C-alpha atoms as a PDB file:
ATOM      1  CA  MET A   1      33.627   8.488 -43.555  1.00  0.00           C
ATOM      2  CA  HIS A   2      33.995   9.631 -39.960  1.00  0.00           C
ATOM      3  CA  PRO A   3      36.229   7.556 -37.674  1.00  0.00           C
ATOM      4  CA  ARG A   4      34.332   5.390 -35.241  1.00  0.00           C
ATOM      5  CA  ALA A   5      34.208   6.863 -31.741  1.00  0.00           C
ATOM      6  CA  PRO A   6      35.794   4.814 -28.968  1.00  0.00           C
ATOM      7  CA  PHE A   7      33.403   2.607 -27.026  1.00  0.00           C
ATOM      8  CA  TRP A   8      33.655   4.617 -23.806  1.00  0.00           C
ATOM      9  CA  ARG A   9      32.272   7.648 -25.632  1.00  0.00           C
ATOM     10  CA  SER A  10      29.393   5.800 -27.315  1.00  0.00           C
ATOM     11  CA  ARG A  11      25.796   6.063 -26.216  1.00  0.00           C
ATOM     12  CA  THR A  12      25.829   2.431 -25.197  1.00  0.00           C
ATOM     13  CA  ALA A  13      28.690   3.040 -22.784  1.00  0.00           C
ATOM     14  CA  GLN A  14      26.998   6.154 -21.431  1.00  0.00           C
ATOM     15  CA  GLY A  15      23.772   4.239 -20.884  1.00  0.00           C
ATOM     16  CA  LEU A  16      25.622   1.466 -19.077  1.00  0.00           C
ATOM     17  CA  GLY A  17      27.353   4.064 -16.938  1.00  0.00           C
ATOM     18  CA  TYR A  18      24.047   5.613 -15.911  1.00  0.00           C
ATOM     19  CA  ALA A  19      22.478   2.213 -15.198  1.00  0.00           C
ATOM     20  CA  ALA A  20      25.468   0.717 -13.366  1.00  0.00           C
ATOM     21  CA  PRO A  21      24.859   2.354  -9.928  1.00  0.00           C
ATOM     22  CA  THR A  22      21.228   1.231  -9.894  1.00  0.00           C
ATOM     23  CA  ALA A  23      22.170  -2.254 -11.070  1.00  0.00           C
ATOM     24  CA  VAL A  24      24.788  -2.565  -8.329  1.00  0.00           C
ATOM     25  CA  PHE A  25      22.308  -1.308  -5.719  1.00  0.00           C
ATOM     26  CA  VAL A  26      19.636  -3.818  -6.830  1.00  0.00           C
ATOM     27  CA  ALA A  27      22.146  -6.666  -6.931  1.00  0.00           C
ATOM     28  CA  VAL A  28      23.597  -5.940  -3.478  1.00  0.00           C
ATOM     29  CA  PHE A  29      20.429  -4.997  -1.606  1.00  0.00           C
ATOM     30  CA  PHE A  30      17.813  -7.138  -3.381  1.00  0.00           C
ATOM     31  CA  LEU A  31      19.135 -10.022  -5.480  1.00  0.00           C
ATOM     32  CA  TRP A  32      21.855 -11.135  -3.065  1.00  0.00           C
ATOM     33  CA  PRO A  33      19.568 -11.068   0.023  1.00  0.00           C
ATOM     34  CA  LEU A  34      16.884 -12.871  -1.992  1.00  0.00           C
ATOM     35  CA  LEU A  35      19.333 -15.635  -2.912  1.00  0.00           C
ATOM     36  CA  LEU A  36      20.456 -15.838   0.713  1.00  0.00           C
ATOM     37  CA  VAL A  37      16.871 -16.169   1.914  1.00  0.00           C
ATOM     38  CA  GLY A  38      16.323 -18.908  -0.646  1.00  0.00           C
ATOM     39  CA  GLN A  39      19.393 -20.745   0.649  1.00  0.00           C
ATOM     40  CA  MET A  40      18.253 -20.362   4.259  1.00  0.00           C
ATOM     41  CA  SER A  41      14.809 -21.759   3.429  1.00  0.00           C
ATOM     42  CA  LEU A  42      16.389 -25.013   2.222  1.00  0.00           C
ATOM     43  CA  ASN A  43      18.740 -25.461   5.167  1.00  0.00           C
ATOM     44  CA  ASP A  44      18.696 -25.926   8.914  1.00  0.00           C
ATOM     45  CA  TRP A  45      19.824 -22.428   9.907  1.00  0.00           C
ATOM     46  CA  PRO A  46      19.619 -21.475  13.599  1.00  0.00           C
ATOM     47  CA  LEU A  47      20.188 -17.786  14.229  1.00  0.00           C
ATOM     48  CA  LEU A  48      23.123 -18.308  16.597  1.00  0.00           C
ATOM     49  CA  ALA A  49      24.715 -21.367  14.979  1.00  0.00           C
ATOM     50  CA  GLY A  50      24.582 -20.632  11.261  1.00  0.00           C
ATOM     51  CA  ASP A  51      24.121 -23.077   8.397  1.00  0.00           C
ATOM     52  CA  GLN A  52      23.794 -26.672   9.647  1.00  0.00           C
ATOM     53  CA  GLY A  53      23.174 -28.305   6.265  1.00  0.00           C
ATOM     54  CA  GLY A  54      20.208 -28.982   4.022  1.00  0.00           C
ATOM     55  CA  ASN A  55      16.854 -30.132   5.369  1.00  0.00           C
ATOM     56  CA  ALA A  56      14.461 -29.343   2.481  1.00  0.00           C
ATOM     57  CA  PRO A  57      11.493 -29.337   2.567  1.00  0.00           C
ATOM     58  CA  GLU A  58      11.316 -29.537   6.364  1.00  0.00           C
ATOM     59  CA  ASN A  59      11.278 -25.754   6.871  1.00  0.00           C
ATOM     60  CA  PHE A  60       8.220 -25.352   4.642  1.00  0.00           C
ATOM     61  CA  THR A  61       6.305 -28.186   6.295  1.00  0.00           C
ATOM     62  CA  ASP A  62       7.184 -26.840   9.746  1.00  0.00           C
ATOM     63  CA  VAL A  63       5.740 -23.462   8.752  1.00  0.00           C
ATOM     64  CA  THR A  64       2.433 -24.832   7.473  1.00  0.00           C
ATOM     65  CA  ASP A  65       2.125 -27.196  10.449  1.00  0.00           C
ATOM     66  CA  SER A  66       2.516 -24.337  12.936  1.00  0.00           C
ATOM     67  CA  PRO A  67      -0.690 -23.732  14.945  1.00  0.00           C
ATOM     68  CA  LEU A  68      -0.348 -19.994  14.279  1.00  0.00           C
ATOM     69  CA  PHE A  69       0.136 -20.189  10.520  1.00  0.00           C
ATOM     70  CA  TRP A  70      -3.422 -20.516   9.226  1.00  0.00           C
ATOM     71  CA  PRO A  71      -4.951 -18.184  11.865  1.00  0.00           C
ATOM     72  CA  ALA A  72      -2.300 -15.599  10.899  1.00  0.00           C
ATOM     73  CA  VAL A  73      -3.144 -16.023   7.201  1.00  0.00           C
ATOM     74  CA  ARG A  74      -6.880 -15.633   7.855  1.00  0.00           C
ATOM     75  CA  PHE A  75      -6.365 -12.595  10.063  1.00  0.00           C
ATOM     76  CA  THR A  76      -4.035 -10.940   7.547  1.00  0.00           C
ATOM     77  CA  LEU A  77      -6.582 -11.438   4.753  1.00  0.00           C
ATOM     78  CA  LEU A  78      -9.401 -10.102   6.950  1.00  0.00           C
ATOM     79  CA  TYR A  79      -7.346  -7.069   7.926  1.00  0.00           C
ATOM     80  CA  THR A  80      -6.372  -6.452   4.296  1.00  0.00           C
ATOM     81  CA  GLY A  81      -9.987  -6.555   3.131  1.00  0.00           C
ATOM     82  CA  ILE A  82     -11.252  -4.159   5.819  1.00  0.00           C
ATOM     83  CA  VAL A  83      -8.381  -1.699   5.417  1.00  0.00           C
ATOM     84  CA  THR A  84      -8.582  -1.670   1.617  1.00  0.00           C
ATOM     85  CA  VAL A  85     -12.301  -0.905   1.534  1.00  0.00           C
ATOM     86  CA  ALA A  86     -12.210   1.678   4.336  1.00  0.00           C
ATOM     87  CA  LEU A  87      -9.011   3.381   3.219  1.00  0.00           C
ATOM     88  CA  LEU A  88      -9.744   3.695  -0.497  1.00  0.00           C
ATOM     89  CA  GLY A  89     -13.360   4.669   0.164  1.00  0.00           C
ATOM     90  CA  LEU A  90     -12.352   7.504   2.499  1.00  0.00           C
ATOM     91  CA  ALA A  91      -9.477   8.567   0.239  1.00  0.00           C
ATOM     92  CA  LEU A  92     -11.814   8.833  -2.752  1.00  0.00           C
ATOM     93  CA  LEU A  93     -14.303  10.864  -0.701  1.00  0.00           C
ATOM     94  CA  LEU A  94     -11.562  13.254   0.451  1.00  0.00           C
ATOM     95  CA  ALA A  95     -10.224  13.600  -3.096  1.00  0.00           C
ATOM     96  CA  LEU A  96     -13.684  14.494  -4.380  1.00  0.00           C
ATOM     97  CA  LEU A  97     -14.135  17.054  -1.584  1.00  0.00           C
ATOM     98  CA  VAL A  98     -10.899  18.909  -2.403  1.00  0.00           C
ATOM     99  CA  GLN A  99     -10.999  18.390  -6.167  1.00  0.00           C
ATOM    100  CA  GLU A 100     -12.197  21.894  -7.045  1.00  0.00           C
ATOM    101  CA  SER A 101      -9.943  24.892  -6.430  1.00  0.00           C
ATOM    102  CA  ARG A 102     -11.741  27.252  -4.053  1.00  0.00           C
ATOM    103  CA  PRO A 103     -10.800  29.215  -0.912  1.00  0.00           C
ATOM    104  CA  GLY A 104      -9.477  26.909   1.786  1.00  0.00           C
ATOM    105  CA  THR A 105      -8.918  23.913  -0.499  1.00  0.00           C
ATOM    106  CA  GLY A 106      -5.134  24.071  -0.136  1.00  0.00           C
ATOM    107  CA  PHE A 107      -5.453  24.150   3.645  1.00  0.00           C
ATOM    108  CA  TYR A 108      -7.684  21.079   3.741  1.00  0.00           C
ATOM    109  CA  ARG A 109      -5.431  19.190   1.335  1.00  0.00           C
ATOM    110  CA  THR A 110      -2.494  19.868   3.640  1.00  0.00           C
ATOM    111  CA  VAL A 111      -4.415  18.854   6.763  1.00  0.00           C
ATOM    112  CA  TYR A 112      -5.579  15.600   5.190  1.00  0.00           C
ATOM    113  CA  PHE A 113      -2.063  14.751   4.023  1.00  0.00           C
ATOM    114  CA  LEU A 114      -0.200  15.669   7.236  1.00  0.00           C
ATOM    115  CA  PRO A 115      -0.680  12.306   9.054  1.00  0.00           C
ATOM    116  CA  GLY A 116       1.115  10.640   6.147  1.00  0.00           C
ATOM    117  CA  ALA A 117       4.285  12.525   7.028  1.00  0.00           C
ATOM    118  CA  LEU A 118       4.436  10.721  10.371  1.00  0.00           C
ATOM    119  CA  GLY A 119       6.265   7.403  10.525  1.00  0.00           C
ATOM    120  CA  LEU A 120       4.061   4.363  11.037  1.00  0.00           C
ATOM    121  CA  ALA A 121       5.926   3.273  14.183  1.00  0.00           C
ATOM    122  CA  SER A 122       5.642   6.790  15.620  1.00  0.00           C
ATOM    123  CA  ALA A 123       1.944   6.966  14.772  1.00  0.00           C
ATOM    124  CA  SER A 124       1.438   3.563  16.395  1.00  0.00           C
ATOM    125  CA  LEU A 125       3.129   4.776  19.589  1.00  0.00           C
ATOM    126  CA  LEU A 126       0.931   7.870  19.546  1.00  0.00           C
ATOM    127  CA  PHE A 127      -2.243   5.803  19.253  1.00  0.00           C
ATOM    128  CA  TRP A 128      -0.996   3.337  21.862  1.00  0.00           C
ATOM    129  CA  GLY A 129      -0.969   6.251  24.287  1.00  0.00           C
ATOM    130  CA  LEU A 130      -4.383   7.455  23.127  1.00  0.00           C
ATOM    131  CA  TYR A 131      -5.878   3.981  23.507  1.00  0.00           C
ATOM    132  CA  SER A 132      -4.469   3.360  26.999  1.00  0.00           C
ATOM    133  CA  PRO A 133      -7.390   2.612  29.358  1.00  0.00           C
ATOM    134  CA  THR A 134      -5.550   4.113  32.368  1.00  0.00           C
ATOM    135  CA  THR A 135      -3.685   7.151  31.043  1.00  0.00           C
ATOM    136  CA  GLY A 136      -5.136   7.635  27.559  1.00  0.00           C
ATOM    137  CA  PRO A 137      -7.342  10.676  26.895  1.00  0.00           C
ATOM    138  CA  LEU A 138      -9.934   8.751  24.847  1.00  0.00           C
ATOM    139  CA  SER A 139     -11.103   6.529  27.696  1.00  0.00           C
ATOM    140  CA  ARG A 140     -11.050   9.430  30.178  1.00  0.00           C
ATOM    141  CA  THR A 141     -13.094  11.620  27.837  1.00  0.00           C
ATOM    142  CA  LEU A 142     -15.748   8.925  27.387  1.00  0.00           C
ATOM    143  CA  GLU A 143     -15.964   8.492  31.163  1.00  0.00           C
ATOM    144  CA  ARG A 144     -16.305  12.233  31.795  1.00  0.00           C
ATOM    145  CA  LEU A 145     -19.063  12.484  29.194  1.00  0.00           C
ATOM    146  CA  GLY A 146     -20.925   9.694  30.970  1.00  0.00           C
ATOM    147  CA  LEU A 147     -20.877   7.426  27.922  1.00  0.00           C
ATOM    148  CA  VAL A 148     -19.095   4.642  29.806  1.00  0.00           C
ATOM    149  CA  ASP A 149     -18.798   3.715  33.470  1.00  0.00           C
ATOM    150  CA  ASP A 150     -15.446   1.927  33.392  1.00  0.00           C
ATOM    151  CA  PRO A 151     -12.198   2.520  31.492  1.00  0.00           C
ATOM    152  CA  VAL A 152     -12.396   1.345  27.887  1.00  0.00           C
ATOM    153  CA  SER A 153      -9.830  -1.186  26.720  1.00  0.00           C
ATOM    154  CA  PHE A 154      -9.604  -0.403  23.013  1.00  0.00           C
ATOM    155  CA  LEU A 155      -7.063  -3.201  22.507  1.00  0.00           C
ATOM    156  CA  GLY A 156      -8.527  -5.688  24.987  1.00  0.00           C
ATOM    157  CA  SER A 157     -10.531  -7.919  22.643  1.00  0.00           C
ATOM    158  CA  PRO A 158      -9.784  -9.333  19.182  1.00  0.00           C
ATOM    159  CA  THR A 159     -12.487  -7.265  17.474  1.00  0.00           C
ATOM    160  CA  SER A 160     -11.685  -3.982  19.211  1.00  0.00           C
ATOM    161  CA  ALA A 161      -7.950  -4.483  18.658  1.00  0.00           C
ATOM    162  CA  LEU A 162      -8.514  -5.062  14.947  1.00  0.00           C
ATOM    163  CA  LEU A 163     -10.837  -2.073  14.513  1.00  0.00           C
ATOM    164  CA  SER A 164      -8.593   0.203  16.585  1.00  0.00           C
ATOM    165  CA  THR A 165      -5.620  -0.706  14.397  1.00  0.00           C
ATOM    166  CA  VAL A 166      -7.672  -0.201  11.225  1.00  0.00           C
ATOM    167  CA  PHE A 167      -8.643   3.267  12.456  1.00  0.00           C
ATOM    168  CA  LEU A 168      -4.966   4.129  12.976  1.00  0.00           C
ATOM    169  CA  VAL A 169      -4.000   2.947   9.477  1.00  0.00           C
ATOM    170  CA  VAL A 170      -6.891   4.765   7.806  1.00  0.00           C
ATOM    171  CA  TRP A 171      -6.069   7.974   9.712  1.00  0.00           C
ATOM    172  CA  LYS A 172      -2.428   7.789   8.676  1.00  0.00           C
ATOM    173  CA  PHE A 173      -2.690   6.771   5.018  1.00  0.00           C
ATOM    174  CA  ALA A 174      -5.971   8.325   3.848  1.00  0.00           C
ATOM    175  CA  GLY A 175      -4.222  11.554   2.858  1.00  0.00           C
ATOM    176  CA  PHE A 176      -1.558   9.708   0.888  1.00  0.00           C
ATOM    177  CA  TYR A 177      -4.097   7.803  -1.197  1.00  0.00           C
ATOM    178  CA  MET A 178      -6.204  10.956  -1.476  1.00  0.00           C
ATOM    179  CA  LEU A 179      -3.224  12.599  -3.178  1.00  0.00           C
ATOM    180  CA  ILE A 180      -2.910   9.756  -5.704  1.00  0.00           C
ATOM    181  CA  LEU A 181      -6.609   9.873  -6.518  1.00  0.00           C
ATOM    182  CA  LEU A 182      -6.604  13.670  -6.616  1.00  0.00           C
ATOM    183  CA  VAL A 183      -3.924  13.618  -9.316  1.00  0.00           C
ATOM    184  CA  GLY A 184      -6.116  11.237 -11.297  1.00  0.00           C
ATOM    185  CA  LEU A 185      -9.178  13.438 -10.861  1.00  0.00           C
ATOM    186  CA  GLN A 186      -7.325  16.539 -12.031  1.00  0.00           C
ATOM    187  CA  ARG A 187      -6.246  14.756 -15.206  1.00  0.00           C
ATOM    188  CA  ILE A 188      -9.884  14.312 -16.271  1.00  0.00           C
ATOM    189  CA  PRO A 189     -10.709  17.102 -18.774  1.00  0.00           C
ATOM    190  CA  HIS A 190     -13.348  19.570 -17.558  1.00  0.00           C
ATOM    191  CA  GLU A 191     -14.846  19.527 -21.051  1.00  0.00           C
ATOM    192  CA  VAL A 192     -16.029  15.969 -20.432  1.00  0.00           C
ATOM    193  CA  TYR A 193     -17.973  17.040 -17.335  1.00  0.00           C
ATOM    194  CA  GLU A 194     -19.426  20.062 -19.119  1.00  0.00           C
ATOM    195  CA  ALA A 195     -20.607  17.927 -22.024  1.00  0.00           C
ATOM    196  CA  ALA A 196     -22.245  15.478 -19.615  1.00  0.00           C
ATOM    197  CA  ARG A 197     -24.053  18.290 -17.781  1.00  0.00           C
ATOM    198  CA  MET A 198     -25.275  19.720 -21.066  1.00  0.00           C
ATOM    199  CA  ASP A 199     -26.721  16.297 -21.876  1.00  0.00           C
ATOM    200  CA  GLY A 200     -28.648  16.373 -18.592  1.00  0.00           C
ATOM    201  CA  ALA A 201     -26.562  13.829 -16.651  1.00  0.00           C
ATOM    202  CA  SER A 202     -27.019  13.843 -12.886  1.00  0.00           C
ATOM    203  CA  ARG A 203     -24.130  13.914 -10.399  1.00  0.00           C
ATOM    204  CA  GLY A 204     -24.517  10.216  -9.763  1.00  0.00           C
ATOM    205  CA  GLN A 205     -24.442   9.403 -13.452  1.00  0.00           C
ATOM    206  CA  ILE A 206     -21.384  11.601 -13.976  1.00  0.00           C
ATOM    207  CA  PHE A 207     -19.607   9.850 -11.129  1.00  0.00           C
ATOM    208  CA  ARG A 208     -20.463   6.337 -12.350  1.00  0.00           C
ATOM    209  CA  ARG A 209     -20.084   6.879 -16.100  1.00  0.00           C
ATOM    210  CA  ILE A 210     -17.220   9.403 -16.245  1.00  0.00           C
ATOM    211  CA  THR A 211     -15.286   9.838 -13.013  1.00  0.00           C
ATOM    212  CA  LEU A 212     -14.834   6.194 -12.031  1.00  0.00           C
ATOM    213  CA  PRO A 213     -13.885   4.880 -15.512  1.00  0.00           C
ATOM    214  CA  LEU A 214     -11.382   7.689 -16.124  1.00  0.00           C
ATOM    215  CA  LEU A 215     -10.015   7.333 -12.591  1.00  0.00           C
ATOM    216  CA  LYS A 216      -9.266   3.647 -13.125  1.00  0.00           C
ATOM    217  CA  PRO A 217      -5.447   3.975 -13.451  1.00  0.00           C
ATOM    218  CA  SER A 218      -5.177   5.857 -10.152  1.00  0.00           C
ATOM    219  CA  LEU A 219      -7.564   3.432  -8.464  1.00  0.00           C
ATOM    220  CA  ALA A 220      -5.521   0.504  -9.769  1.00  0.00           C
ATOM    221  CA  LEU A 221      -2.295   1.949  -8.386  1.00  0.00           C
ATOM    222  CA  SER A 222      -3.942   2.707  -5.042  1.00  0.00           C
ATOM    223  CA  LEU A 223      -5.422  -0.787  -4.865  1.00  0.00           C
ATOM    224  CA  LEU A 224      -2.076  -2.406  -5.622  1.00  0.00           C
ATOM    225  CA  LEU A 225      -0.223  -0.356  -3.000  1.00  0.00           C
ATOM    226  CA  CYS A 226      -2.928  -0.758  -0.370  1.00  0.00           C
ATOM    227  CA  VAL A 227      -3.296  -4.520  -0.729  1.00  0.00           C
ATOM    228  CA  THR A 228       0.459  -5.110  -0.781  1.00  0.00           C
ATOM    229  CA  GLY A 229       1.072  -2.858   2.215  1.00  0.00           C
ATOM    230  CA  SER A 230      -1.751  -4.441   4.216  1.00  0.00           C
ATOM    231  CA  LEU A 231      -0.548  -7.976   3.551  1.00  0.00           C
ATOM    232  CA  LEU A 232       2.867  -6.945   4.867  1.00  0.00           C
ATOM    233  CA  ALA A 233       1.483  -5.263   8.001  1.00  0.00           C
ATOM    234  CA  PHE A 234       3.851  -5.407  10.967  1.00  0.00           C
ATOM    235  CA  ASP A 235       4.679  -2.119  12.729  1.00  0.00           C
ATOM    236  CA  GLN A 236       1.179  -1.195  13.848  1.00  0.00           C
ATOM    237  CA  PHE A 237       0.391  -4.602  15.344  1.00  0.00           C
ATOM    238  CA  PHE A 238       3.845  -5.005  16.871  1.00  0.00           C
ATOM    239  CA  VAL A 239       3.491  -1.685  18.711  1.00  0.00           C
ATOM    240  CA  LEU A 240      -0.221  -1.738  19.550  1.00  0.00           C
ATOM    241  CA  THR A 241      -1.075  -5.369  20.267  1.00  0.00           C
ATOM    242  CA  LYS A 242       2.122  -7.455  19.945  1.00  0.00           C
ATOM    243  CA  GLY A 243      -0.125 -10.087  18.402  1.00  0.00           C
ATOM    244  CA  GLY A 244      -2.587 -10.157  21.297  1.00  0.00           C
ATOM    245  CA  PRO A 245      -4.918 -10.706  22.832  1.00  0.00           C
ATOM    246  CA  ASP A 246      -4.340 -14.482  22.720  1.00  0.00           C
ATOM    247  CA  ASN A 247      -2.480 -14.307  19.375  1.00  0.00           C
ATOM    248  CA  SER A 248      -5.645 -13.052  17.680  1.00  0.00           C
ATOM    249  CA  THR A 249      -3.871 -10.241  15.817  1.00  0.00           C
ATOM    250  CA  VAL A 250      -0.759 -12.065  14.611  1.00  0.00           C
ATOM    251  CA  THR A 251       0.004 -11.273  10.972  1.00  0.00           C
ATOM    252  CA  VAL A 252       2.157 -13.359   8.644  1.00  0.00           C
ATOM    253  CA  VAL A 253       5.014 -10.852   8.903  1.00  0.00           C
ATOM    254  CA  GLN A 254       4.823 -11.008  12.693  1.00  0.00           C
ATOM    255  CA  LEU A 255       5.044 -14.764  12.360  1.00  0.00           C
ATOM    256  CA  ILE A 256       8.256 -14.353  10.346  1.00  0.00           C
ATOM    257  CA  TYR A 257       9.629 -12.106  13.109  1.00  0.00           C
ATOM    258  CA  ARG A 258       8.733 -14.632  15.794  1.00  0.00           C
ATOM    259  CA  GLU A 259      10.359 -17.505  13.932  1.00  0.00           C
ATOM    260  CA  ALA A 260      13.568 -15.547  13.330  1.00  0.00           C
ATOM    261  CA  PHE A 261      14.070 -13.607  16.559  1.00  0.00           C
ATOM    262  CA  GLN A 262      12.070 -15.417  19.221  1.00  0.00           C
ATOM    263  CA  ARG A 263      12.396 -19.046  18.161  1.00  0.00           C
ATOM    264  CA  LEU A 264      15.814 -18.204  16.619  1.00  0.00           C
ATOM    265  CA  ASN A 265      15.118 -20.269  13.510  1.00  0.00           C
ATOM    266  CA  LEU A 266      16.129 -18.418  10.368  1.00  0.00           C
ATOM    267  CA  GLY A 267      15.338 -21.445   8.203  1.00  0.00           C
ATOM    268  CA  THR A 268      11.602 -21.500   8.894  1.00  0.00           C
ATOM    269  CA  ALA A 269      11.486 -17.680   8.850  1.00  0.00           C
ATOM    270  CA  ALA A 270      13.094 -17.720   5.403  1.00  0.00           C
ATOM    271  CA  ALA A 271      10.694 -20.414   4.197  1.00  0.00           C
ATOM    272  CA  LEU A 272       7.728 -18.344   5.335  1.00  0.00           C
ATOM    273  CA  SER A 273       9.248 -15.283   3.629  1.00  0.00           C
ATOM    274  CA  ILE A 274       9.466 -17.226   0.359  1.00  0.00           C
ATOM    275  CA  LEU A 275       5.821 -18.265   0.682  1.00  0.00           C
ATOM    276  CA  VAL A 276       4.757 -14.659   1.332  1.00  0.00           C
ATOM    277  CA  LEU A 277       6.790 -13.429  -1.642  1.00  0.00           C
ATOM    278  CA  ALA A 278       5.252 -16.055  -3.923  1.00  0.00           C
ATOM    279  CA  ALA A 279       1.740 -15.158  -2.717  1.00  0.00           C
ATOM    280  CA  LEU A 280       2.363 -11.452  -3.323  1.00  0.00           C
ATOM    281  CA  LEU A 281       3.695 -12.081  -6.835  1.00  0.00           C
ATOM    282  CA  LEU A 282       0.681 -14.252  -7.660  1.00  0.00           C
ATOM    283  CA  LEU A 283      -1.771 -11.750  -6.203  1.00  0.00           C
ATOM    284  CA  ASN A 284      -0.203  -8.812  -8.048  1.00  0.00           C
ATOM    285  CA  ALA A 285      -0.255 -10.778 -11.300  1.00  0.00           C
ATOM    286  CA  LEU A 286      -3.955 -11.547 -10.800  1.00  0.00           C
ATOM    287  CA  GLN A 287      -4.646  -7.897 -10.017  1.00  0.00           C
ATOM    288  CA  PHE A 288      -2.913  -6.723 -13.183  1.00  0.00           C
ATOM    289  CA  ARG A 289      -4.745  -9.338 -15.238  1.00  0.00           C
ATOM    290  CA  GLY A 290      -8.110  -8.378 -13.795  1.00  0.00           C
ATOM    291  CA  LEU A 291      -7.497  -4.673 -14.345  1.00  0.00           C
ATOM    292  CA  ARG A 292      -6.407  -5.351 -17.922  1.00  0.00           C
ATOM    293  CA  ARG A 293      -9.637  -7.227 -18.578  1.00  0.00           C
ATOM    294  CA  VAL A 294     -11.659  -4.356 -17.133  1.00  0.00           C
ATOM    295  CA  ASP A 295      -9.805  -1.905 -19.406  1.00  0.00           C
ATOM    296  CA  GLU A 296     -10.489  -4.046 -22.452  1.00  0.00           C
ATOM    297  CA  SER A 297     -14.171  -4.312 -21.630  1.00  0.00           C
END
């Protein structure tokens, strides 16, 4: 009988050693801040004065009673719906265009993906300059072509501000989601397509009956990332519109920022953060449940 190895040399100890750095990182940078936010949401916590004692559930009622809360929720949901449809639709089209390996495919894949390498804040600043009605090249070009008589204010109305921001987000992230969907497309065996063609299936039938069902895992991942990212939109609206015009493009995350750093009330900002987190967890759970049902059917 071999002597039992000391604990520090066992596989259990080695596994704990490998997991310890990640566990410490999660505890320090996720669990502890989450607990702190929970504490703030239950207390009167001005930014400059610190904890002033409990006031639950006043922070939560103050948030829902705010005149900007429900308009911000509706706008965020509208923005999420438009971006999700436009972004995933374009990404799927791009993935289908560069699916086959032929001359120039690598170049186009790189070109489509390049905007994703740019930071969102930097891209927003770039488009803010492009959209400028006085110095931006877009408005000047339209005037020189005779398409408009006066400078175009791309961010001057609620509808144009929303659509201009959607265009920026789609331009930036289409290549990223194209890459996810492209990986899914390349995992579909070519033999399946060949068998379908031999059976006389048309391109439309192949797309509906083979490509989409087998692409479901990649579509599910893309949908989850896109919806979550859109619900947490901040940078693009903060740079382009700052919530304007007339607070028509205020998102829920912008509302958190305003509560914390403009109204200097960390308590209501934390309460709103808890509500957003709960909504995201519920939405993601519903998404997973719906996708599981689709898989089973």
